[in-house]
């Protein structure tokens, strides 16, 4: 399984950006798909996750501004980011957690995509 994240770039504060994460390869069962981020000098943190059933979870600081969604046909997870703030500047990573067979848990990570929000 490979994850290809894209959509990062430079955006002004208050602006919007949409990140995409395309998955290739097969996985037996997906538990969650998500986005994480890591700002310079800080630990990686959860941004948002979504289950195959559509349940979502957001970090408090992005609640109401970011939306995670999935296009099953395209095997792609999106992160729509609105009202961006300087503190959203980070490298964003997509992740898929699940099982490679009925017994073996796995998690996959894409290479990060940098989002820079200028104030």
C-alpha atoms as a PDB file:
ATOM      1  CA  UNK A   1       0.000   0.000   0.000  1.00  0.00           C
ATOM      2  CA  UNK A   2       1.265   3.445  -0.884  1.00  0.00           C
ATOM      3  CA  UNK A   3      -0.169   6.795   0.064  1.00  0.00           C
ATOM      4  CA  UNK A   4       0.498   9.857  -2.042  1.00  0.00           C
ATOM      5  CA  UNK A   5      -0.297  13.166  -0.399  1.00  0.00           C
ATOM      6  CA  UNK A   6      -0.580  16.372  -2.375  1.00  0.00           C
ATOM      7  CA  UNK A   7      -2.021  19.836  -2.216  1.00  0.00           C
ATOM      8  CA  UNK A   8       0.374  21.610   0.081  1.00  0.00           C
ATOM      9  CA  UNK A   9       1.719  25.055  -0.624  1.00  0.00           C
ATOM     10  CA  UNK A  10       1.760  28.645   0.474  1.00  0.00           C
ATOM     11  CA  UNK A  11      -1.522  30.257   1.453  1.00  0.00           C
ATOM     12  CA  UNK A  12      -2.424  33.512   3.152  1.00  0.00           C
ATOM     13  CA  UNK A  13      -4.010  33.566   6.556  1.00  0.00           C
ATOM     14  CA  UNK A  14      -7.765  33.269   6.229  1.00  0.00           C
ATOM     15  CA  UNK A  15      -7.441  31.347   3.006  1.00  0.00           C
ATOM     16  CA  UNK A  16      -8.289  27.771   2.101  1.00  0.00           C
ATOM     17  CA  UNK A  17      -6.451  24.734   0.862  1.00  0.00           C
ATOM     18  CA  UNK A  18      -7.456  21.162   0.070  1.00  0.00           C
ATOM     19  CA  UNK A  19      -5.110  18.272   0.649  1.00  0.00           C
ATOM     20  CA  UNK A  20      -5.525  14.933  -1.096  1.00  0.00           C
ATOM     21  CA  UNK A  21      -4.177  11.515  -0.217  1.00  0.00           C
ATOM     22  CA  UNK A  22      -4.482   8.852  -2.886  1.00  0.00           C
ATOM     23  CA  UNK A  23      -4.096   5.220  -1.896  1.00  0.00           C
ATOM     24  CA  UNK A  24      -2.775   2.508  -4.159  1.00  0.00           C
ATOM     25  CA  UNK A  25      -2.619  -1.177  -3.357  1.00  0.00           C
ATOM     26  CA  UNK A  26      -5.056  -3.304  -1.449  1.00  0.00           C
ATOM     27  CA  UNK A  27      -5.752  -3.590   2.240  1.00  0.00           C
ATOM     28  CA  UNK A  28      -7.889  -6.238   3.885  1.00  0.00           C
ATOM     29  CA  UNK A  29      -9.779  -3.899   6.178  1.00  0.00           C
ATOM     30  CA  UNK A  30      -9.492  -0.208   6.964  1.00  0.00           C
ATOM     31  CA  UNK A  31     -10.099   1.002  10.509  1.00  0.00           C
ATOM     32  CA  UNK A  32      -9.405   4.701  10.086  1.00  0.00           C
ATOM     33  CA  UNK A  33      -8.008   7.143   7.592  1.00  0.00           C
ATOM     34  CA  UNK A  34      -6.554  10.354   8.799  1.00  0.00           C
ATOM     35  CA  UNK A  35      -4.414  13.406   8.598  1.00  0.00           C
ATOM     36  CA  UNK A  36      -1.674  14.333  11.016  1.00  0.00           C
ATOM     37  CA  UNK A  37       0.694  17.264  11.060  1.00  0.00           C
ATOM     38  CA  UNK A  38       4.057  18.174  12.449  1.00  0.00           C
ATOM     39  CA  UNK A  39       5.154  21.738  12.901  1.00  0.00           C
ATOM     40  CA  UNK A  40       8.819  22.646  13.101  1.00  0.00           C
ATOM     41  CA  UNK A  41      10.192  21.672  16.484  1.00  0.00           C
ATOM     42  CA  UNK A  42       6.977  20.003  17.606  1.00  0.00           C
ATOM     43  CA  UNK A  43       5.666  16.481  17.800  1.00  0.00           C
ATOM     44  CA  UNK A  44       3.369  15.018  15.201  1.00  0.00           C
ATOM     45  CA  UNK A  45      -0.269  15.515  16.143  1.00  0.00           C
ATOM     46  CA  UNK A  46      -3.605  14.261  14.975  1.00  0.00           C
ATOM     47  CA  UNK A  47      -5.604  16.635  12.808  1.00  0.00           C
ATOM     48  CA  UNK A  48      -8.599  14.576  11.744  1.00  0.00           C
ATOM     49  CA  UNK A  49      -9.653  10.992  11.213  1.00  0.00           C
ATOM     50  CA  UNK A  50     -12.555   9.276   9.496  1.00  0.00           C
ATOM     51  CA  UNK A  51     -13.804   5.709   9.614  1.00  0.00           C
ATOM     52  CA  UNK A  52     -15.222   3.758   6.671  1.00  0.00           C
ATOM     53  CA  UNK A  53     -18.602   4.276   8.264  1.00  0.00           C
ATOM     54  CA  UNK A  54     -18.165   8.026   8.136  1.00  0.00           C
ATOM     55  CA  UNK A  55     -17.453   8.827  11.773  1.00  0.00           C
ATOM     56  CA  UNK A  56     -15.078  11.739  12.087  1.00  0.00           C
ATOM     57  CA  UNK A  57     -12.818  13.062  14.792  1.00  0.00           C
ATOM     58  CA  UNK A  58     -11.063  16.414  14.832  1.00  0.00           C
ATOM     59  CA  UNK A  59      -8.429  18.116  16.894  1.00  0.00           C
ATOM     60  CA  UNK A  60     -10.082  20.915  18.848  1.00  0.00           C
ATOM     61  CA  UNK A  61      -8.051  23.636  17.172  1.00  0.00           C
ATOM     62  CA  UNK A  62      -9.321  22.719  13.691  1.00  0.00           C
ATOM     63  CA  UNK A  63     -12.907  21.846  14.584  1.00  0.00           C
ATOM     64  CA  UNK A  64     -15.250  23.883  12.424  1.00  0.00           C
ATOM     65  CA  UNK A  65     -12.486  24.937  10.043  1.00  0.00           C
ATOM     66  CA  UNK A  66     -11.256  21.646   8.595  1.00  0.00           C
ATOM     67  CA  UNK A  67     -13.290  18.862   7.012  1.00  0.00           C
ATOM     68  CA  UNK A  68     -12.086  15.357   6.288  1.00  0.00           C
ATOM     69  CA  UNK A  69     -13.818  13.348   3.594  1.00  0.00           C
ATOM     70  CA  UNK A  70     -13.359  10.209   1.542  1.00  0.00           C
ATOM     71  CA  UNK A  71     -13.980   9.282  -2.075  1.00  0.00           C
ATOM     72  CA  UNK A  72     -14.089   5.491  -1.971  1.00  0.00           C
ATOM     73  CA  UNK A  73     -14.130   5.129  -5.741  1.00  0.00           C
ATOM     74  CA  UNK A  74     -10.930   7.121  -6.035  1.00  0.00           C
ATOM     75  CA  UNK A  75      -9.424   5.656  -2.838  1.00  0.00           C
ATOM     76  CA  UNK A  76      -8.669   9.201  -1.828  1.00  0.00           C
ATOM     77  CA  UNK A  77      -8.955  11.022   1.470  1.00  0.00           C
ATOM     78  CA  UNK A  78      -9.290  14.791   1.461  1.00  0.00           C
ATOM     79  CA  UNK A  79      -8.702  17.472   4.034  1.00  0.00           C
ATOM     80  CA  UNK A  80     -10.464  20.727   3.271  1.00  0.00           C
ATOM     81  CA  UNK A  81      -8.857  23.472   5.298  1.00  0.00           C
ATOM     82  CA  UNK A  82     -10.614  26.809   5.635  1.00  0.00           C
ATOM     83  CA  UNK A  83      -9.876  29.943   7.654  1.00  0.00           C
ATOM     84  CA  UNK A  84      -6.252  28.971   7.834  1.00  0.00           C
ATOM     85  CA  UNK A  85      -4.069  30.439  10.552  1.00  0.00           C
ATOM     86  CA  UNK A  86      -0.335  30.834  10.852  1.00  0.00           C
ATOM     87  CA  UNK A  87      -0.314  28.116  13.505  1.00  0.00           C
ATOM     88  CA  UNK A  88      -1.635  25.642  10.927  1.00  0.00           C
ATOM     89  CA  UNK A  89       1.745  25.795   9.220  1.00  0.00           C
ATOM     90  CA  UNK A  90       3.154  22.282   9.263  1.00  0.00           C
ATOM     91  CA  UNK A  91       3.994  19.231   7.244  1.00  0.00           C
ATOM     92  CA  UNK A  92       0.787  17.276   6.822  1.00  0.00           C
ATOM     93  CA  UNK A  93       0.834  13.472   6.644  1.00  0.00           C
ATOM     94  CA  UNK A  94      -1.924  11.092   5.674  1.00  0.00           C
ATOM     95  CA  UNK A  95      -2.326   7.734   7.319  1.00  0.00           C
ATOM     96  CA  UNK A  96      -4.370   4.590   6.928  1.00  0.00           C
ATOM     97  CA  UNK A  97      -4.769   2.139   9.802  1.00  0.00           C
ATOM     98  CA  UNK A  98      -6.250  -1.281   9.284  1.00  0.00           C
ATOM     99  CA  UNK A  99      -5.489  -4.940   8.766  1.00  0.00           C
ATOM    100  CA  UNK A 100      -3.481  -6.658   6.051  1.00  0.00           C
ATOM    101  CA  UNK A 101      -5.309  -9.886   6.884  1.00  0.00           C
ATOM    102  CA  UNK A 102      -7.841 -10.862   9.601  1.00  0.00           C
ATOM    103  CA  UNK A 103      -5.100 -10.916  12.255  1.00  0.00           C
ATOM    104  CA  UNK A 104      -2.374  -8.435  11.332  1.00  0.00           C
ATOM    105  CA  UNK A 105      -2.781  -4.744  12.141  1.00  0.00           C
ATOM    106  CA  UNK A 106      -0.962  -2.328   9.903  1.00  0.00           C
ATOM    107  CA  UNK A 107      -0.605   1.380   9.468  1.00  0.00           C
ATOM    108  CA  UNK A 108       0.653   3.176   6.446  1.00  0.00           C
ATOM    109  CA  UNK A 109       1.950   6.704   6.096  1.00  0.00           C
ATOM    110  CA  UNK A 110       2.387   8.931   3.132  1.00  0.00           C
ATOM    111  CA  UNK A 111       5.208  11.380   2.642  1.00  0.00           C
ATOM    112  CA  UNK A 112       4.287  14.736   4.018  1.00  0.00           C
ATOM    113  CA  UNK A 113       3.091  17.763   2.168  1.00  0.00           C
ATOM    114  CA  UNK A 114       4.054  21.175   3.497  1.00  0.00           C
ATOM    115  CA  UNK A 115       1.422  23.790   4.178  1.00  0.00           C
ATOM    116  CA  UNK A 116       2.720  27.263   4.934  1.00  0.00           C
ATOM    117  CA  UNK A 117       0.280  29.913   6.095  1.00  0.00           C
ATOM    118  CA  UNK A 118       1.569  33.453   5.837  1.00  0.00           C
ATOM    119  CA  UNK A 119       0.241  36.036   8.228  1.00  0.00           C
END
